[in-house]
Amino acid sequence: MTETYFEFGTPADRWDRAERELRTLLAADPVESYATLLLGRTLERQGRNDEARPYLRMAAAMSGDFAELGPSAAAR
């Protein structure tokens, strides 16, 4: 168990890594809708709802599925 913890890091480390990798993907392909959605969800899960909102809205617009908007994207 300890080896797994150190291999993957703390939960905060994993969110940071996911955010970095998703931002890198989006820098290379800004219209990648799934990466946009995942970045929004990653930010949302960290409690960074204001930052998540534009990504979640963009992902919904790209997919045409506005019902998939979470609570962060729906708030103004």
N, C-alpha and C. Protein backbone atom coordinates (compact mmCIF):
# COMPACT_ATOMS: atom_id res chain seq x y z
N MET A 1 0.83 -1.20 0.00
CA MET A 1 0.00 0.00 0.00
C MET A 1 0.87 1.26 0.00
N THR A 2 1.90 1.27 0.81
CA THR A 2 2.78 2.43 0.89
C THR A 2 3.45 2.68 -0.45
N GLU A 3 3.85 1.63 -1.14
CA GLU A 3 4.51 1.79 -2.44
C GLU A 3 3.58 2.45 -3.44
N THR A 4 2.33 2.04 -3.43
CA THR A 4 1.35 2.62 -4.34
C THR A 4 1.16 4.10 -4.02
N TYR A 5 1.08 4.44 -2.75
CA TYR A 5 0.91 5.83 -2.34
C TYR A 5 2.06 6.69 -2.85
N PHE A 6 3.27 6.21 -2.68
CA PHE A 6 4.42 6.99 -3.12
C PHE A 6 4.55 7.01 -4.64
N GLU A 7 4.12 5.94 -5.28
CA GLU A 7 4.20 5.90 -6.74
C GLU A 7 3.28 6.93 -7.38
N PHE A 8 2.09 7.04 -6.84
CA PHE A 8 1.10 7.94 -7.45
C PHE A 8 0.99 9.27 -6.73
N GLY A 9 1.52 9.39 -5.54
CA GLY A 9 1.48 10.64 -4.81
C GLY A 9 0.18 10.83 -4.05
N THR A 10 0.06 11.99 -3.45
CA THR A 10 -1.15 12.31 -2.68
C THR A 10 -2.29 12.63 -3.65
N PRO A 11 -3.52 12.64 -3.16
CA PRO A 11 -4.63 13.03 -4.04
C PRO A 11 -4.41 14.42 -4.67
N ALA A 12 -3.88 15.35 -3.89
CA ALA A 12 -3.62 16.69 -4.44
C ALA A 12 -2.59 16.63 -5.56
N ASP A 13 -1.58 15.79 -5.40
CA ASP A 13 -0.57 15.62 -6.45
C ASP A 13 -1.20 15.08 -7.73
N ARG A 14 -2.12 14.14 -7.56
CA ARG A 14 -2.78 13.55 -8.73
C ARG A 14 -3.64 14.58 -9.45
N TRP A 15 -4.37 15.42 -8.70
CA TRP A 15 -5.18 16.46 -9.34
C TRP A 15 -4.28 17.44 -10.09
N ASP A 16 -3.16 17.82 -9.46
CA ASP A 16 -2.23 18.75 -10.10
C ASP A 16 -1.67 18.15 -11.39
N ARG A 17 -1.30 16.89 -11.33
CA ARG A 17 -0.75 16.22 -12.52
C ARG A 17 -1.80 16.13 -13.62
N ALA A 18 -3.01 15.76 -13.25
CA ALA A 18 -4.09 15.68 -14.24
C ALA A 18 -4.33 17.04 -14.88
N GLU A 19 -4.37 18.08 -14.07
CA GLU A 19 -4.59 19.42 -14.59
C GLU A 19 -3.48 19.82 -15.56
N ARG A 20 -2.23 19.57 -15.19
CA ARG A 20 -1.10 19.91 -16.07
C ARG A 20 -1.20 19.18 -17.41
N GLU A 21 -1.48 17.89 -17.34
CA GLU A 21 -1.54 17.10 -18.58
C GLU A 21 -2.72 17.51 -19.46
N LEU A 22 -3.86 17.80 -18.83
CA LEU A 22 -5.02 18.24 -19.62
C LEU A 22 -4.77 19.60 -20.26
N ARG A 23 -4.12 20.50 -19.53
CA ARG A 23 -3.81 21.81 -20.11
C ARG A 23 -2.83 21.67 -21.27
N THR A 24 -1.89 20.75 -21.15
CA THR A 24 -0.95 20.49 -22.24
C THR A 24 -1.69 19.96 -23.47
N LEU A 25 -2.60 19.02 -23.25
CA LEU A 25 -3.41 18.49 -24.35
C LEU A 25 -4.22 19.59 -25.03
N LEU A 26 -4.83 20.44 -24.22
CA LEU A 26 -5.66 21.50 -24.79
C LEU A 26 -4.84 22.59 -25.48
N ALA A 27 -3.60 22.77 -25.04
CA ALA A 27 -2.73 23.73 -25.74
C ALA A 27 -2.44 23.23 -27.15
N ALA A 28 -2.31 21.91 -27.29
CA ALA A 28 -2.03 21.33 -28.60
C ALA A 28 -3.29 21.20 -29.45
N ASP A 29 -4.43 20.98 -28.80
CA ASP A 29 -5.69 20.77 -29.53
C ASP A 29 -6.83 21.41 -28.75
N PRO A 30 -7.04 22.71 -28.92
CA PRO A 30 -8.02 23.45 -28.12
C PRO A 30 -9.48 23.00 -28.30
N VAL A 31 -9.77 22.25 -29.34
CA VAL A 31 -11.15 21.81 -29.56
C VAL A 31 -11.37 20.35 -29.15
N GLU A 32 -10.47 19.81 -28.36
CA GLU A 32 -10.62 18.45 -27.85
C GLU A 32 -11.67 18.49 -26.72
N SER A 33 -12.88 18.09 -27.05
CA SER A 33 -14.00 18.25 -26.12
C SER A 33 -13.87 17.40 -24.86
N TYR A 34 -13.37 16.19 -24.98
CA TYR A 34 -13.27 15.34 -23.80
C TYR A 34 -12.23 15.88 -22.82
N ALA A 35 -11.10 16.36 -23.32
CA ALA A 35 -10.08 16.95 -22.45
C ALA A 35 -10.63 18.21 -21.79
N THR A 36 -11.45 18.97 -22.53
CA THR A 36 -12.07 20.17 -21.97
C THR A 36 -13.00 19.79 -20.81
N LEU A 37 -13.81 18.76 -21.03
CA LEU A 37 -14.71 18.28 -19.97
C LEU A 37 -13.91 17.79 -18.77
N LEU A 38 -12.88 17.00 -19.02
CA LEU A 38 -12.08 16.46 -17.91
C LEU A 38 -11.37 17.56 -17.12
N LEU A 39 -10.90 18.59 -17.81
CA LEU A 39 -10.26 19.69 -17.09
C LEU A 39 -11.30 20.40 -16.22
N GLY A 40 -12.47 20.62 -16.76
CA GLY A 40 -13.54 21.23 -15.95
C GLY A 40 -13.88 20.40 -14.74
N ARG A 41 -14.01 19.10 -14.91
CA ARG A 41 -14.33 18.21 -13.79
C ARG A 41 -13.18 18.14 -12.79
N THR A 42 -11.95 18.16 -13.28
CA THR A 42 -10.78 18.14 -12.39
C THR A 42 -10.77 19.39 -11.51
N LEU A 43 -10.99 20.53 -12.12
CA LEU A 43 -11.04 21.78 -11.35
C LEU A 43 -12.21 21.77 -10.37
N GLU A 44 -13.35 21.29 -10.82
CA GLU A 44 -14.54 21.23 -9.98
C GLU A 44 -14.30 20.34 -8.76
N ARG A 45 -13.67 19.22 -8.95
CA ARG A 45 -13.42 18.29 -7.84
C ARG A 45 -12.44 18.87 -6.81
N GLN A 46 -11.68 19.86 -7.24
CA GLN A 46 -10.77 20.53 -6.30
C GLN A 46 -11.44 21.70 -5.61
N GLY A 47 -12.73 21.91 -5.92
CA GLY A 47 -13.45 23.03 -5.33
C GLY A 47 -13.20 24.35 -6.04
N ARG A 48 -12.63 24.29 -7.23
CA ARG A 48 -12.30 25.50 -7.99
C ARG A 48 -13.39 25.75 -9.04
N ASN A 49 -14.61 25.94 -8.54
CA ASN A 49 -15.78 26.02 -9.40
C ASN A 49 -15.77 27.18 -10.38
N ASP A 50 -15.27 28.32 -9.95
CA ASP A 50 -15.22 29.47 -10.86
C ASP A 50 -14.29 29.21 -12.04
N GLU A 51 -13.20 28.51 -11.80
CA GLU A 51 -12.28 28.15 -12.88
C GLU A 51 -12.85 27.03 -13.74
N ALA A 52 -13.61 26.14 -13.14
CA ALA A 52 -14.18 25.00 -13.86
C ALA A 52 -15.30 25.41 -14.81
N ARG A 53 -16.08 26.39 -14.42
CA ARG A 53 -17.29 26.77 -15.15
C ARG A 53 -17.07 26.98 -16.65
N PRO A 54 -16.09 27.76 -17.09
CA PRO A 54 -15.95 27.97 -18.54
C PRO A 54 -15.61 26.69 -19.30
N TYR A 55 -14.83 25.82 -18.69
CA TYR A 55 -14.47 24.56 -19.36
C TYR A 55 -15.68 23.64 -19.47
N LEU A 56 -16.48 23.60 -18.42
CA LEU A 56 -17.67 22.76 -18.45
C LEU A 56 -18.68 23.28 -19.48
N ARG A 57 -18.81 24.59 -19.55
CA ARG A 57 -19.72 25.18 -20.55
C ARG A 57 -19.21 24.92 -21.97
N MET A 58 -17.92 25.08 -22.17
CA MET A 58 -17.35 24.82 -23.50
C MET A 58 -17.55 23.37 -23.91
N ALA A 59 -17.31 22.46 -22.98
CA ALA A 59 -17.47 21.03 -23.27
C ALA A 59 -18.91 20.72 -23.63
N ALA A 60 -19.84 21.32 -22.90
CA ALA A 60 -21.26 21.10 -23.19
C ALA A 60 -21.62 21.67 -24.56
N ALA A 61 -21.09 22.84 -24.87
CA ALA A 61 -21.37 23.44 -26.18
C ALA A 61 -20.77 22.61 -27.31
N MET A 62 -19.57 22.09 -27.09
CA MET A 62 -18.92 21.26 -28.11
C MET A 62 -19.70 19.98 -28.38
N SER A 63 -20.25 19.40 -27.31
CA SER A 63 -20.96 18.13 -27.46
C SER A 63 -22.44 18.33 -27.77
N GLY A 64 -22.95 19.55 -27.55
CA GLY A 64 -24.36 19.82 -27.76
C GLY A 64 -25.24 19.25 -26.66
N ASP A 65 -24.65 18.83 -25.57
CA ASP A 65 -25.40 18.20 -24.49
C ASP A 65 -25.40 19.08 -23.24
N PHE A 66 -26.26 20.07 -23.24
CA PHE A 66 -26.30 21.01 -22.13
C PHE A 66 -26.87 20.39 -20.85
N ALA A 67 -27.54 19.24 -20.97
CA ALA A 67 -28.06 18.55 -19.78
C ALA A 67 -26.92 18.00 -18.94
N GLU A 68 -25.74 17.84 -19.54
CA GLU A 68 -24.60 17.30 -18.81
C GLU A 68 -23.90 18.33 -17.94
N LEU A 69 -24.33 19.57 -18.00
CA LEU A 69 -23.69 20.59 -17.19
C LEU A 69 -23.87 20.30 -15.71
N GLY A 70 -22.79 20.38 -14.98
CA GLY A 70 -22.85 20.15 -13.55
C GLY A 70 -23.26 21.41 -12.82
N PRO A 71 -23.30 21.37 -11.49
CA PRO A 71 -23.71 22.53 -10.71
C PRO A 71 -22.81 23.73 -10.90
N SER A 72 -21.53 23.51 -11.14
CA SER A 72 -20.61 24.65 -11.32
C SER A 72 -20.90 25.39 -12.61
N ALA A 73 -21.18 24.66 -13.67
CA ALA A 73 -21.41 25.29 -14.97
C ALA A 73 -22.75 26.00 -15.01
N ALA A 74 -23.71 25.49 -14.28
CA ALA A 74 -25.05 26.08 -14.30
C ALA A 74 -25.10 27.38 -13.52
N ALA A 75 -24.26 27.54 -12.50
CA ALA A 75 -24.25 28.76 -11.69
C ALA A 75 -23.69 29.91 -12.49
N ARG A 76 -24.17 31.08 -12.21
CA ARG A 76 -23.65 32.27 -12.89
C ARG A 76 -22.85 33.07 -11.97
